[in-house]
Amino acid sequence: MKARQNRLKGADFDNLFKKGKTTSGDFILLKFKRNNLKINRFGFIVGLKTSKKATERNKRRRQLKEIAKSNLINLKPGFDIIIFLKPATVKEKYQKTKEEVEKLFRKSGLYK
């Protein structure tokens, strides 16, 4: 996954929040919308309510990026995707987060 190529920009976030479809899990919210490109673009939101510590939020964001990168081959091309962590996720382990994201990808029909 090329970081710049697969990254959502500010205007894309706004558009996705207004017109995107939503799938929700236990502690993760997934918003997605078809784009007219041959690649998937991702955005990750880990809010201040998740943790007051920037190091913890950045760690969770890095974990989400790695999960998206590992699933990029299995996803249908041409989608903008935002993964939003709900506030109760600080205690969750990486493996549990990965399973939840993959479950949401399946539920939303993003897998090939």
PDB file of N, CA and C in Angstrom:
ATOM      1  N   MET A   1       0.844  -1.168   0.000  1.00  0.00           N
ATOM      2  CA  MET A   1       0.000   0.000   0.000  1.00  0.00           C
ATOM      3  C   MET A   1       0.889   1.231   0.000  1.00  0.00           C
ATOM      4  N   LYS A   2       0.734   2.076  -0.985  1.00  0.00           N
ATOM      5  CA  LYS A   2       1.475   3.318  -1.047  1.00  0.00           C
ATOM      6  C   LYS A   2       0.728   4.347  -0.218  1.00  0.00           C
ATOM      7  N   ALA A   3       1.400   4.897   0.771  1.00  0.00           N
ATOM      8  CA  ALA A   3       0.748   5.738   1.766  1.00  0.00           C
ATOM      9  C   ALA A   3       0.023   6.933   1.148  1.00  0.00           C
ATOM     10  N   ARG A   4       0.664   7.685   0.296  1.00  0.00           N
ATOM     11  CA  ARG A   4       0.044   8.888  -0.271  1.00  0.00           C
ATOM     12  C   ARG A   4      -1.106   8.535  -1.212  1.00  0.00           C
ATOM     13  N   GLN A   5      -0.907   7.517  -1.982  1.00  0.00           N
ATOM     14  CA  GLN A   5      -1.896   7.125  -2.984  1.00  0.00           C
ATOM     15  C   GLN A   5      -3.188   6.629  -2.337  1.00  0.00           C
ATOM     16  N   ASN A   6      -3.076   5.965  -1.209  1.00  0.00           N
ATOM     17  CA  ASN A   6      -4.236   5.351  -0.560  1.00  0.00           C
ATOM     18  C   ASN A   6      -4.762   6.157   0.620  1.00  0.00           C
ATOM     19  N   ARG A   7      -4.521   7.451   0.637  1.00  0.00           N
ATOM     20  CA  ARG A   7      -4.927   8.286   1.752  1.00  0.00           C
ATOM     21  C   ARG A   7      -6.062   9.220   1.348  1.00  0.00           C
ATOM     22  N   LEU A   8      -7.054   9.342   2.215  1.00  0.00           N
ATOM     23  CA  LEU A   8      -8.144  10.279   1.987  1.00  0.00           C
ATOM     24  C   LEU A   8      -7.713  11.683   2.384  1.00  0.00           C
ATOM     25  N   LYS A   9      -8.206  12.676   1.679  1.00  0.00           N
ATOM     26  CA  LYS A   9      -7.932  14.079   1.980  1.00  0.00           C
ATOM     27  C   LYS A   9      -9.141  14.686   2.697  1.00  0.00           C
ATOM     28  N   GLY A  10      -9.022  15.925   3.123  1.00  0.00           N
ATOM     29  CA  GLY A  10     -10.064  16.587   3.912  1.00  0.00           C
ATOM     30  C   GLY A  10     -11.418  16.651   3.237  1.00  0.00           C
ATOM     31  N   ALA A  11     -11.445  17.057   1.978  1.00  0.00           N
ATOM     32  CA  ALA A  11     -12.721  17.159   1.259  1.00  0.00           C
ATOM     33  C   ALA A  11     -13.344  15.780   1.064  1.00  0.00           C
ATOM     34  N   ASP A  12     -12.502  14.770   0.902  1.00  0.00           N
ATOM     35  CA  ASP A  12     -13.004  13.402   0.743  1.00  0.00           C
ATOM     36  C   ASP A  12     -13.684  12.915   2.021  1.00  0.00           C
ATOM     37  N   PHE A  13     -13.147  13.304   3.181  1.00  0.00           N
ATOM     38  CA  PHE A  13     -13.767  12.940   4.452  1.00  0.00           C
ATOM     39  C   PHE A  13     -15.173  13.523   4.537  1.00  0.00           C
ATOM     40  N   ASP A  14     -15.296  14.809   4.199  1.00  0.00           N
ATOM     41  CA  ASP A  14     -16.601  15.466   4.264  1.00  0.00           C
ATOM     42  C   ASP A  14     -17.610  14.792   3.344  1.00  0.00           C
ATOM     43  N   ASN A  15     -17.189  14.500   2.132  1.00  0.00           N
ATOM     44  CA  ASN A  15     -18.059  13.857   1.150  1.00  0.00           C
ATOM     45  C   ASN A  15     -18.487  12.473   1.624  1.00  0.00           C
ATOM     46  N   LEU A  16     -17.554  11.744   2.193  1.00  0.00           N
ATOM     47  CA  LEU A  16     -17.837  10.390   2.664  1.00  0.00           C
ATOM     48  C   LEU A  16     -18.794  10.401   3.856  1.00  0.00           C
ATOM     49  N   PHE A  17     -18.632  11.369   4.760  1.00  0.00           N
ATOM     50  CA  PHE A  17     -19.541  11.457   5.896  1.00  0.00           C
ATOM     51  C   PHE A  17     -20.952  11.818   5.461  1.00  0.00           C
ATOM     52  N   LYS A  18     -21.089  12.629   4.414  1.00  0.00           N
ATOM     53  CA  LYS A  18     -22.411  13.031   3.948  1.00  0.00           C
ATOM     54  C   LYS A  18     -23.099  11.952   3.130  1.00  0.00           C
ATOM     55  N   LYS A  19     -22.360  11.279   2.235  1.00  0.00           N
ATOM     56  CA  LYS A  19     -22.984  10.382   1.268  1.00  0.00           C
ATOM     57  C   LYS A  19     -22.612   8.911   1.422  1.00  0.00           C
ATOM     58  N   GLY A  20     -21.759   8.583   2.374  1.00  0.00           N
ATOM     59  CA  GLY A  20     -21.307   7.207   2.508  1.00  0.00           C
ATOM     60  C   GLY A  20     -22.270   6.312   3.266  1.00  0.00           C
ATOM     61  N   LYS A  21     -22.109   5.008   3.070  1.00  0.00           N
ATOM     62  CA  LYS A  21     -22.889   4.017   3.805  1.00  0.00           C
ATOM     63  C   LYS A  21     -22.138   3.674   5.080  1.00  0.00           C
ATOM     64  N   THR A  22     -22.872   3.269   6.109  1.00  0.00           N
ATOM     65  CA  THR A  22     -22.278   3.007   7.412  1.00  0.00           C
ATOM     66  C   THR A  22     -22.545   1.573   7.843  1.00  0.00           C
ATOM     67  N   THR A  23     -21.516   0.954   8.384  1.00  0.00           N
ATOM     68  CA  THR A  23     -21.630  -0.349   9.011  1.00  0.00           C
ATOM     69  C   THR A  23     -20.991  -0.229  10.382  1.00  0.00           C
ATOM     70  N   SER A  24     -21.669  -0.736  11.401  1.00  0.00           N
ATOM     71  CA  SER A  24     -21.178  -0.575  12.757  1.00  0.00           C
ATOM     72  C   SER A  24     -20.959  -1.927  13.414  1.00  0.00           C
ATOM     73  N   GLY A  25     -19.893  -2.006  14.185  1.00  0.00           N
ATOM     74  CA  GLY A  25     -19.601  -3.199  14.957  1.00  0.00           C
ATOM     75  C   GLY A  25     -19.656  -2.872  16.438  1.00  0.00           C
ATOM     76  N   ASP A  26     -19.055  -3.727  17.248  1.00  0.00           N
ATOM     77  CA  ASP A  26     -19.073  -3.521  18.695  1.00  0.00           C
ATOM     78  C   ASP A  26     -18.334  -2.246  19.092  1.00  0.00           C
ATOM     79  N   PHE A  27     -17.149  -2.029  18.540  1.00  0.00           N
ATOM     80  CA  PHE A  27     -16.368  -0.858  18.922  1.00  0.00           C
ATOM     81  C   PHE A  27     -15.716  -0.160  17.737  1.00  0.00           C
ATOM     82  N   ILE A  28     -16.183  -0.459  16.520  1.00  0.00           N
ATOM     83  CA  ILE A  28     -15.647   0.184  15.320  1.00  0.00           C
ATOM     84  C   ILE A  28     -16.808   0.563  14.402  1.00  0.00           C
ATOM     85  N   LEU A  29     -16.684   1.716  13.773  1.00  0.00           N
ATOM     86  CA  LEU A  29     -17.655   2.190  12.795  1.00  0.00           C
ATOM     87  C   LEU A  29     -16.944   2.291  11.450  1.00  0.00           C
ATOM     88  N   LEU A  30     -17.562   1.759  10.412  1.00  0.00           N
ATOM     89  CA  LEU A  30     -16.977   1.757   9.079  1.00  0.00           C
ATOM     90  C   LEU A  30     -17.884   2.534   8.140  1.00  0.00           C
ATOM     91  N   LYS A  31     -17.347   3.565   7.483  1.00  0.00           N
ATOM     92  CA  LYS A  31     -18.085   4.314   6.468  1.00  0.00           C
ATOM     93  C   LYS A  31     -17.384   4.073   5.143  1.00  0.00           C
ATOM     94  N   PHE A  32     -18.166   3.819   4.099  1.00  0.00           N
ATOM     95  CA  PHE A  32     -17.566   3.541   2.807  1.00  0.00           C
ATOM     96  C   PHE A  32     -18.433   4.078   1.685  1.00  0.00           C
ATOM     97  N   LYS A  33     -17.807   4.338   0.562  1.00  0.00           N
ATOM     98  CA  LYS A  33     -18.490   4.865  -0.614  1.00  0.00           C
ATOM     99  C   LYS A  33     -17.634   4.542  -1.826  1.00  0.00           C
ATOM    100  N   ARG A  34     -18.284   4.227  -2.914  1.00  0.00           N
ATOM    101  CA  ARG A  34     -17.544   3.921  -4.140  1.00  0.00           C
ATOM    102  C   ARG A  34     -16.933   5.212  -4.683  1.00  0.00           C
ATOM    103  N   ASN A  35     -15.644   5.115  -5.068  1.00  0.00           N
ATOM    104  CA  ASN A  35     -15.011   6.233  -5.773  1.00  0.00           C
ATOM    105  C   ASN A  35     -14.815   5.814  -7.226  1.00  0.00           C
ATOM    106  N   ASN A  36     -14.445   6.704  -8.075  1.00  0.00           N
ATOM    107  CA  ASN A  36     -14.276   6.374  -9.491  1.00  0.00           C
ATOM    108  C   ASN A  36     -12.808   6.136  -9.821  1.00  0.00           C
ATOM    109  N   LEU A  37     -12.102   5.505  -8.913  1.00  0.00           N
ATOM    110  CA  LEU A  37     -10.682   5.195  -9.095  1.00  0.00           C
ATOM    111  C   LEU A  37     -10.499   3.683  -9.087  1.00  0.00           C
ATOM    112  N   LYS A  38      -9.300   3.246  -9.416  1.00  0.00           N
ATOM    113  CA  LYS A  38      -9.001   1.810  -9.403  1.00  0.00           C
ATOM    114  C   LYS A  38      -8.332   1.382  -8.103  1.00  0.00           C
ATOM    115  N   ILE A  39      -8.261   2.283  -7.140  1.00  0.00           N
ATOM    116  CA  ILE A  39      -7.622   1.985  -5.865  1.00  0.00           C
ATOM    117  C   ILE A  39      -8.589   2.273  -4.722  1.00  0.00           C
ATOM    118  N   ASN A  40      -8.281   1.704  -3.569  1.00  0.00           N
ATOM    119  CA  ASN A  40      -9.018   2.015  -2.349  1.00  0.00           C
ATOM    120  C   ASN A  40      -8.250   3.093  -1.595  1.00  0.00           C
ATOM    121  N   ARG A  41      -9.004   4.008  -1.000  1.00  0.00           N
ATOM    122  CA  ARG A  41      -8.391   5.044  -0.184  1.00  0.00           C
ATOM    123  C   ARG A  41      -8.968   4.939   1.223  1.00  0.00           C
ATOM    124  N   PHE A  42      -8.100   5.119   2.222  1.00  0.00           N
ATOM    125  CA  PHE A  42      -8.485   4.923   3.608  1.00  0.00           C
ATOM    126  C   PHE A  42      -8.290   6.188   4.422  1.00  0.00           C
ATOM    127  N   GLY A  43      -9.119   6.317   5.448  1.00  0.00           N
ATOM    128  CA  GLY A  43      -8.978   7.343   6.466  1.00  0.00           C
ATOM    129  C   GLY A  43      -9.224   6.686   7.808  1.00  0.00           C
ATOM    130  N   PHE A  44      -8.524   7.160   8.830  1.00  0.00           N
ATOM    131  CA  PHE A  44      -8.632   6.554  10.156  1.00  0.00           C
ATOM    132  C   PHE A  44      -8.907   7.658  11.162  1.00  0.00           C
ATOM    133  N   ILE A  45      -9.929   7.455  11.992  1.00  0.00           N
ATOM    134  CA  ILE A  45     -10.279   8.440  13.000  1.00  0.00           C
ATOM    135  C   ILE A  45     -10.221   7.781  14.372  1.00  0.00           C
ATOM    136  N   VAL A  46      -9.347   8.317  15.199  1.00  0.00           N
ATOM    137  CA  VAL A  46      -9.236   7.879  16.585  1.00  0.00           C
ATOM    138  C   VAL A  46      -9.369   9.148  17.422  1.00  0.00           C
ATOM    139  N   GLY A  47     -10.542   9.361  17.986  1.00  0.00           N
ATOM    140  CA  GLY A  47     -10.852  10.614  18.655  1.00  0.00           C
ATOM    141  C   GLY A  47     -10.248  10.756  20.038  1.00  0.00           C
ATOM    142  N   LEU A  48     -10.339  11.964  20.548  1.00  0.00           N
ATOM    143  CA  LEU A  48      -9.823  12.292  21.869  1.00  0.00           C
ATOM    144  C   LEU A  48     -10.570  11.541  22.966  1.00  0.00           C
ATOM    145  N   LYS A  49     -11.829  11.178  22.706  1.00  0.00           N
ATOM    146  CA  LYS A  49     -12.586  10.417  23.692  1.00  0.00           C
ATOM    147  C   LYS A  49     -12.074   8.986  23.820  1.00  0.00           C
ATOM    148  N   THR A  50     -11.367   8.512  22.797  1.00  0.00           N
ATOM    149  CA  THR A  50     -10.799   7.166  22.859  1.00  0.00           C
ATOM    150  C   THR A  50      -9.717   7.108  23.916  1.00  0.00           C
ATOM    151  N   SER A  51      -8.839   8.104  23.914  1.00  0.00           N
ATOM    152  CA  SER A  51      -7.783   8.199  24.911  1.00  0.00           C
ATOM    153  C   SER A  51      -7.286   9.633  24.952  1.00  0.00           C
ATOM    154  N   LYS A  52      -6.945  10.104  26.108  1.00  0.00           N
ATOM    155  CA  LYS A  52      -6.403  11.454  26.240  1.00  0.00           C
ATOM    156  C   LYS A  52      -4.939  11.502  25.808  1.00  0.00           C
ATOM    157  N   LYS A  53      -4.274  10.348  25.788  1.00  0.00           N
ATOM    158  CA  LYS A  53      -2.850  10.294  25.458  1.00  0.00           C
ATOM    159  C   LYS A  53      -2.653  10.163  23.954  1.00  0.00           C
ATOM    160  N   ALA A  54      -1.880  11.069  23.382  1.00  0.00           N
ATOM    161  CA  ALA A  54      -1.608  11.051  21.943  1.00  0.00           C
ATOM    162  C   ALA A  54      -0.873   9.785  21.546  1.00  0.00           C
ATOM    163  N   THR A  55      -0.009   9.277  22.409  1.00  0.00           N
ATOM    164  CA  THR A  55       0.740   8.065  22.071  1.00  0.00           C
ATOM    165  C   THR A  55      -0.193   6.873  21.903  1.00  0.00           C
ATOM    166  N   GLU A  56      -1.203   6.790  22.731  1.00  0.00           N
ATOM    167  CA  GLU A  56      -2.170   5.691  22.641  1.00  0.00           C
ATOM    168  C   GLU A  56      -3.019   5.818  21.377  1.00  0.00           C
ATOM    169  N   ARG A  57      -3.464   7.038  21.059  1.00  0.00           N
ATOM    170  CA  ARG A  57      -4.253   7.248  19.846  1.00  0.00           C
ATOM    171  C   ARG A  57      -3.428   6.941  18.594  1.00  0.00           C
ATOM    172  N   ASN A  58      -2.180   7.375  18.587  1.00  0.00           N
ATOM    173  CA  ASN A  58      -1.309   7.106  17.434  1.00  0.00           C
ATOM    174  C   ASN A  58      -1.022   5.619  17.282  1.00  0.00           C
ATOM    175  N   LYS A  59      -0.881   4.933  18.392  1.00  0.00           N
ATOM    176  CA  LYS A  59      -0.658   3.482  18.352  1.00  0.00           C
ATOM    177  C   LYS A  59      -1.863   2.781  17.725  1.00  0.00           C
ATOM    178  N   ARG A  60      -3.061   3.179  18.126  1.00  0.00           N
ATOM    179  CA  ARG A  60      -4.277   2.579  17.577  1.00  0.00           C
ATOM    180  C   ARG A  60      -4.404   2.899  16.083  1.00  0.00           C
ATOM    181  N   ARG A  61      -4.029   4.120  15.694  1.00  0.00           N
ATOM    182  CA  ARG A  61      -4.080   4.524  14.286  1.00  0.00           C
ATOM    183  C   ARG A  61      -3.095   3.696  13.460  1.00  0.00           C
ATOM    184  N   ARG A  62      -1.902   3.484  13.976  1.00  0.00           N
ATOM    185  CA  ARG A  62      -0.910   2.640  13.276  1.00  0.00           C
ATOM    186  C   ARG A  62      -1.413   1.212  13.134  1.00  0.00           C
ATOM    187  N   GLN A  63      -2.071   0.703  14.154  1.00  0.00           N
ATOM    188  CA  GLN A  63      -2.629  -0.640  14.083  1.00  0.00           C
ATOM    189  C   GLN A  63      -3.700  -0.731  13.004  1.00  0.00           C
ATOM    190  N   LEU A  64      -4.556   0.271  12.924  1.00  0.00           N
ATOM    191  CA  LEU A  64      -5.598   0.280  11.895  1.00  0.00           C
ATOM    192  C   LEU A  64      -4.995   0.350  10.497  1.00  0.00           C
ATOM    193  N   LYS A  65      -3.937   1.138  10.330  1.00  0.00           N
ATOM    194  CA  LYS A  65      -3.262   1.219   9.031  1.00  0.00           C
ATOM    195  C   LYS A  65      -2.690  -0.133   8.636  1.00  0.00           C
ATOM    196  N   GLU A  66      -2.122  -0.841   9.590  1.00  0.00           N
ATOM    197  CA  GLU A  66      -1.548  -2.163   9.304  1.00  0.00           C
ATOM    198  C   GLU A  66      -2.641  -3.158   8.941  1.00  0.00           C
ATOM    199  N   ILE A  67      -3.778  -3.091   9.606  1.00  0.00           N
ATOM    200  CA  ILE A  67      -4.901  -3.979   9.297  1.00  0.00           C
ATOM    201  C   ILE A  67      -5.405  -3.705   7.878  1.00  0.00           C
ATOM    202  N   ALA A  68      -5.545  -2.431   7.531  1.00  0.00           N
ATOM    203  CA  ALA A  68      -5.996  -2.069   6.183  1.00  0.00           C
ATOM    204  C   ALA A  68      -4.987  -2.526   5.137  1.00  0.00           C
ATOM    205  N   LYS A  69      -3.721  -2.364   5.434  1.00  0.00           N
ATOM    206  CA  LYS A  69      -2.669  -2.770   4.503  1.00  0.00           C
ATOM    207  C   LYS A  69      -2.679  -4.280   4.276  1.00  0.00           C
ATOM    208  N   SER A  70      -2.889  -5.044   5.333  1.00  0.00           N
ATOM    209  CA  SER A  70      -2.897  -6.499   5.200  1.00  0.00           C
ATOM    210  C   SER A  70      -4.134  -7.006   4.467  1.00  0.00           C
ATOM    211  N   ASN A  71      -5.226  -6.247   4.485  1.00  0.00           N
ATOM    212  CA  ASN A  71      -6.466  -6.647   3.819  1.00  0.00           C
ATOM    213  C   ASN A  71      -6.641  -6.018   2.450  1.00  0.00           C
ATOM    214  N   LEU A  72      -5.727  -5.194   2.012  1.00  0.00           N
ATOM    215  CA  LEU A  72      -5.875  -4.458   0.767  1.00  0.00           C
ATOM    216  C   LEU A  72      -6.015  -5.384  -0.439  1.00  0.00           C
ATOM    217  N   ILE A  73      -5.323  -6.497  -0.452  1.00  0.00           N
ATOM    218  CA  ILE A  73      -5.373  -7.449  -1.564  1.00  0.00           C
ATOM    219  C   ILE A  73      -6.754  -8.104  -1.652  1.00  0.00           C
ATOM    220  N   ASN A  74      -7.390  -8.317  -0.517  1.00  0.00           N
ATOM    221  CA  ASN A  74      -8.670  -9.017  -0.472  1.00  0.00           C
ATOM    222  C   ASN A  74      -9.874  -8.118  -0.743  1.00  0.00           C
ATOM    223  N   LEU A  75      -9.677  -6.791  -0.757  1.00  0.00           N
ATOM    224  CA  LEU A  75     -10.788  -5.862  -0.925  1.00  0.00           C
ATOM    225  C   LEU A  75     -11.054  -5.557  -2.390  1.00  0.00           C
ATOM    226  N   LYS A  76     -12.323  -5.310  -2.699  1.00  0.00           N
ATOM    227  CA  LYS A  76     -12.685  -4.870  -4.049  1.00  0.00           C
ATOM    228  C   LYS A  76     -12.081  -3.491  -4.273  1.00  0.00           C
ATOM    229  N   PRO A  77     -11.549  -3.211  -5.453  1.00  0.00           N
ATOM    230  CA  PRO A  77     -10.971  -1.884  -5.711  1.00  0.00           C
ATOM    231  C   PRO A  77     -12.051  -0.832  -5.959  1.00  0.00           C
ATOM    232  N   GLY A  78     -11.693   0.422  -5.689  1.00  0.00           N
ATOM    233  CA  GLY A  78     -12.583   1.522  -6.023  1.00  0.00           C
ATOM    234  C   GLY A  78     -13.473   2.010  -4.897  1.00  0.00           C
ATOM    235  N   PHE A  79     -13.002   1.964  -3.651  1.00  0.00           N
ATOM    236  CA  PHE A  79     -13.791   2.429  -2.519  1.00  0.00           C
ATOM    237  C   PHE A  79     -12.999   3.410  -1.670  1.00  0.00           C
ATOM    238  N   ASP A  80     -13.704   4.379  -1.110  1.00  0.00           N
ATOM    239  CA  ASP A  80     -13.170   5.236  -0.053  1.00  0.00           C
ATOM    240  C   ASP A  80     -13.705   4.678   1.255  1.00  0.00           C
ATOM    241  N   ILE A  81     -12.828   4.477   2.230  1.00  0.00           N
ATOM    242  CA  ILE A  81     -13.212   3.816   3.474  1.00  0.00           C
ATOM    243  C   ILE A  81     -12.678   4.616   4.655  1.00  0.00           C
ATOM    244  N   ILE A  82     -13.538   4.870   5.630  1.00  0.00           N
ATOM    245  CA  ILE A  82     -13.115   5.475   6.894  1.00  0.00           C
ATOM    246  C   ILE A  82     -13.370   4.459   7.995  1.00  0.00           C
ATOM    247  N   ILE A  83     -12.356   4.234   8.815  1.00  0.00           N
ATOM    248  CA  ILE A  83     -12.485   3.369   9.982  1.00  0.00           C
ATOM    249  C   ILE A  83     -12.431   4.276  11.210  1.00  0.00           C
ATOM    250  N   PHE A  84     -13.510   4.276  11.968  1.00  0.00           N
ATOM    251  CA  PHE A  84     -13.661   5.165  13.111  1.00  0.00           C
ATOM    252  C   PHE A  84     -13.732   4.324  14.382  1.00  0.00           C
ATOM    253  N   LEU A  85     -12.830   4.579  15.331  1.00  0.00           N
ATOM    254  CA  LEU A  85     -12.848   3.839  16.589  1.00  0.00           C
ATOM    255  C   LEU A  85     -13.777   4.510  17.575  1.00  0.00           C
ATOM    256  N   LYS A  86     -14.629   3.730  18.178  1.00  0.00           N
ATOM    257  CA  LYS A  86     -15.500   4.237  19.224  1.00  0.00           C
ATOM    258  C   LYS A  86     -14.688   4.362  20.522  1.00  0.00           C
ATOM    259  N   PRO A  87     -15.147   5.159  21.478  1.00  0.00           N
ATOM    260  CA  PRO A  87     -14.347   5.441  22.679  1.00  0.00           C
ATOM    261  C   PRO A  87     -13.951   4.241  23.542  1.00  0.00           C
ATOM    262  N   ALA A  88     -14.652   3.150  23.497  1.00  0.00           N
ATOM    263  CA  ALA A  88     -14.361   2.027  24.396  1.00  0.00           C
ATOM    264  C   ALA A  88     -13.271   1.090  23.874  1.00  0.00           C
ATOM    265  N   THR A  89     -12.440   1.518  22.927  1.00  0.00           N
ATOM    266  CA  THR A  89     -11.514   0.592  22.272  1.00  0.00           C
ATOM    267  C   THR A  89     -10.113   0.545  22.850  1.00  0.00           C
ATOM    268  N   VAL A  90      -9.799   1.363  23.817  1.00  0.00           N
ATOM    269  CA  VAL A  90      -8.428   1.407  24.329  1.00  0.00           C
ATOM    270  C   VAL A  90      -8.018   0.068  24.926  1.00  0.00           C
ATOM    271  N   LYS A  91      -8.916  -0.601  25.571  1.00  0.00           N
ATOM    272  CA  LYS A  91      -8.595  -1.871  26.237  1.00  0.00           C
ATOM    273  C   LYS A  91      -8.516  -3.062  25.276  1.00  0.00           C
ATOM    274  N   GLU A  92      -9.020  -2.913  24.069  1.00  0.00           N
ATOM    275  CA  GLU A  92      -9.059  -4.024  23.125  1.00  0.00           C
ATOM    276  C   GLU A  92      -7.670  -4.344  22.566  1.00  0.00           C
ATOM    277  N   LYS A  93      -7.407  -5.604  22.367  1.00  0.00           N
ATOM    278  CA  LYS A  93      -6.134  -6.069  21.821  1.00  0.00           C
ATOM    279  C   LYS A  93      -6.138  -5.952  20.302  1.00  0.00           C
ATOM    280  N   TYR A  94      -4.945  -6.007  19.716  1.00  0.00           N
ATOM    281  CA  TYR A  94      -4.782  -5.880  18.271  1.00  0.00           C
ATOM    282  C   TYR A  94      -5.556  -6.963  17.528  1.00  0.00           C
ATOM    283  N   GLN A  95      -5.471  -8.202  17.979  1.00  0.00           N
ATOM    284  CA  GLN A  95      -6.121  -9.313  17.296  1.00  0.00           C
ATOM    285  C   GLN A  95      -7.640  -9.142  17.288  1.00  0.00           C
ATOM    286  N   LYS A  96      -8.197  -8.676  18.392  1.00  0.00           N
ATOM    287  CA  LYS A  96      -9.648  -8.441  18.484  1.00  0.00           C
ATOM    288  C   LYS A  96     -10.062  -7.314  17.526  1.00  0.00           C
ATOM    289  N   THR A  97      -9.231  -6.273  17.445  1.00  0.00           N
ATOM    290  CA  THR A  97      -9.510  -5.168  16.525  1.00  0.00           C
ATOM    291  C   THR A  97      -9.458  -5.646  15.085  1.00  0.00           C
ATOM    292  N   LYS A  98      -8.463  -6.465  14.755  1.00  0.00           N
ATOM    293  CA  LYS A  98      -8.320  -6.991  13.399  1.00  0.00           C
ATOM    294  C   LYS A  98      -9.532  -7.829  13.010  1.00  0.00           C
ATOM    295  N   GLU A  99      -9.980  -8.697  13.901  1.00  0.00           N
ATOM    296  CA  GLU A  99     -11.156  -9.530  13.635  1.00  0.00           C
ATOM    297  C   GLU A  99     -12.402  -8.671  13.417  1.00  0.00           C
ATOM    298  N   GLU A 100     -12.539  -7.607  14.211  1.00  0.00           N
ATOM    299  CA  GLU A 100     -13.703  -6.725  14.089  1.00  0.00           C
ATOM    300  C   GLU A 100     -13.708  -5.992  12.745  1.00  0.00           C
ATOM    301  N   VAL A 101     -12.558  -5.481  12.323  1.00  0.00           N
ATOM    302  CA  VAL A 101     -12.467  -4.774  11.044  1.00  0.00           C
ATOM    303  C   VAL A 101     -12.759  -5.728   9.890  1.00  0.00           C
ATOM    304  N   GLU A 102     -12.189  -6.926   9.923  1.00  0.00           N
ATOM    305  CA  GLU A 102     -12.430  -7.909   8.868  1.00  0.00           C
ATOM    306  C   GLU A 102     -13.902  -8.320   8.830  1.00  0.00           C
ATOM    307  N   LYS A 103     -14.535  -8.428   9.997  1.00  0.00           N
ATOM    308  CA  LYS A 103     -15.962  -8.748  10.056  1.00  0.00           C
ATOM    309  C   LYS A 103     -16.787  -7.634   9.397  1.00  0.00           C
ATOM    310  N   LEU A 104     -16.408  -6.388   9.634  1.00  0.00           N
ATOM    311  CA  LEU A 104     -17.122  -5.264   9.036  1.00  0.00           C
ATOM    312  C   LEU A 104     -16.896  -5.191   7.531  1.00  0.00           C
ATOM    313  N   PHE A 105     -15.691  -5.528   7.064  1.00  0.00           N
ATOM    314  CA  PHE A 105     -15.436  -5.583   5.623  1.00  0.00           C
ATOM    315  C   PHE A 105     -16.347  -6.620   4.967  1.00  0.00           C
ATOM    316  N   ARG A 106     -16.483  -7.792   5.607  1.00  0.00           N
ATOM    317  CA  ARG A 106     -17.351  -8.843   5.068  1.00  0.00           C
ATOM    318  C   ARG A 106     -18.810  -8.403   5.083  1.00  0.00           C
ATOM    319  N   LYS A 107     -19.226  -7.821   6.200  1.00  0.00           N
ATOM    320  CA  LYS A 107     -20.620  -7.398   6.383  1.00  0.00           C
ATOM    321  C   LYS A 107     -21.022  -6.331   5.358  1.00  0.00           C
ATOM    322  N   SER A 108     -20.096  -5.458   5.006  1.00  0.00           N
ATOM    323  CA  SER A 108     -20.406  -4.378   4.065  1.00  0.00           C
ATOM    324  C   SER A 108     -20.204  -4.787   2.611  1.00  0.00           C
ATOM    325  N   GLY A 109     -19.711  -5.997   2.373  1.00  0.00           N
ATOM    326  CA  GLY A 109     -19.548  -6.480   1.000  1.00  0.00           C
ATOM    327  C   GLY A 109     -18.319  -5.926   0.299  1.00  0.00           C
ATOM    328  N   LEU A 110     -17.301  -5.543   1.039  1.00  0.00           N
ATOM    329  CA  LEU A 110     -16.102  -4.980   0.439  1.00  0.00           C
ATOM    330  C   LEU A 110     -15.077  -6.041   0.032  1.00  0.00           C
ATOM    331  N   TYR A 111     -15.232  -7.267   0.521  1.00  0.00           N
ATOM    332  CA  TYR A 111     -14.316  -8.339   0.126  1.00  0.00           C
ATOM    333  C   TYR A 111     -14.654  -8.822  -1.279  1.00  0.00           C
ATOM    334  N   LYS A 112     -13.645  -9.307  -1.985  1.00  0.00           N
ATOM    335  CA  LYS A 112     -13.835  -9.846  -3.335  1.00  0.00           C
ATOM    336  C   LYS A 112     -14.643 -11.124  -3.279  1.00  0.00           C
TER     337      LYS A 112
END
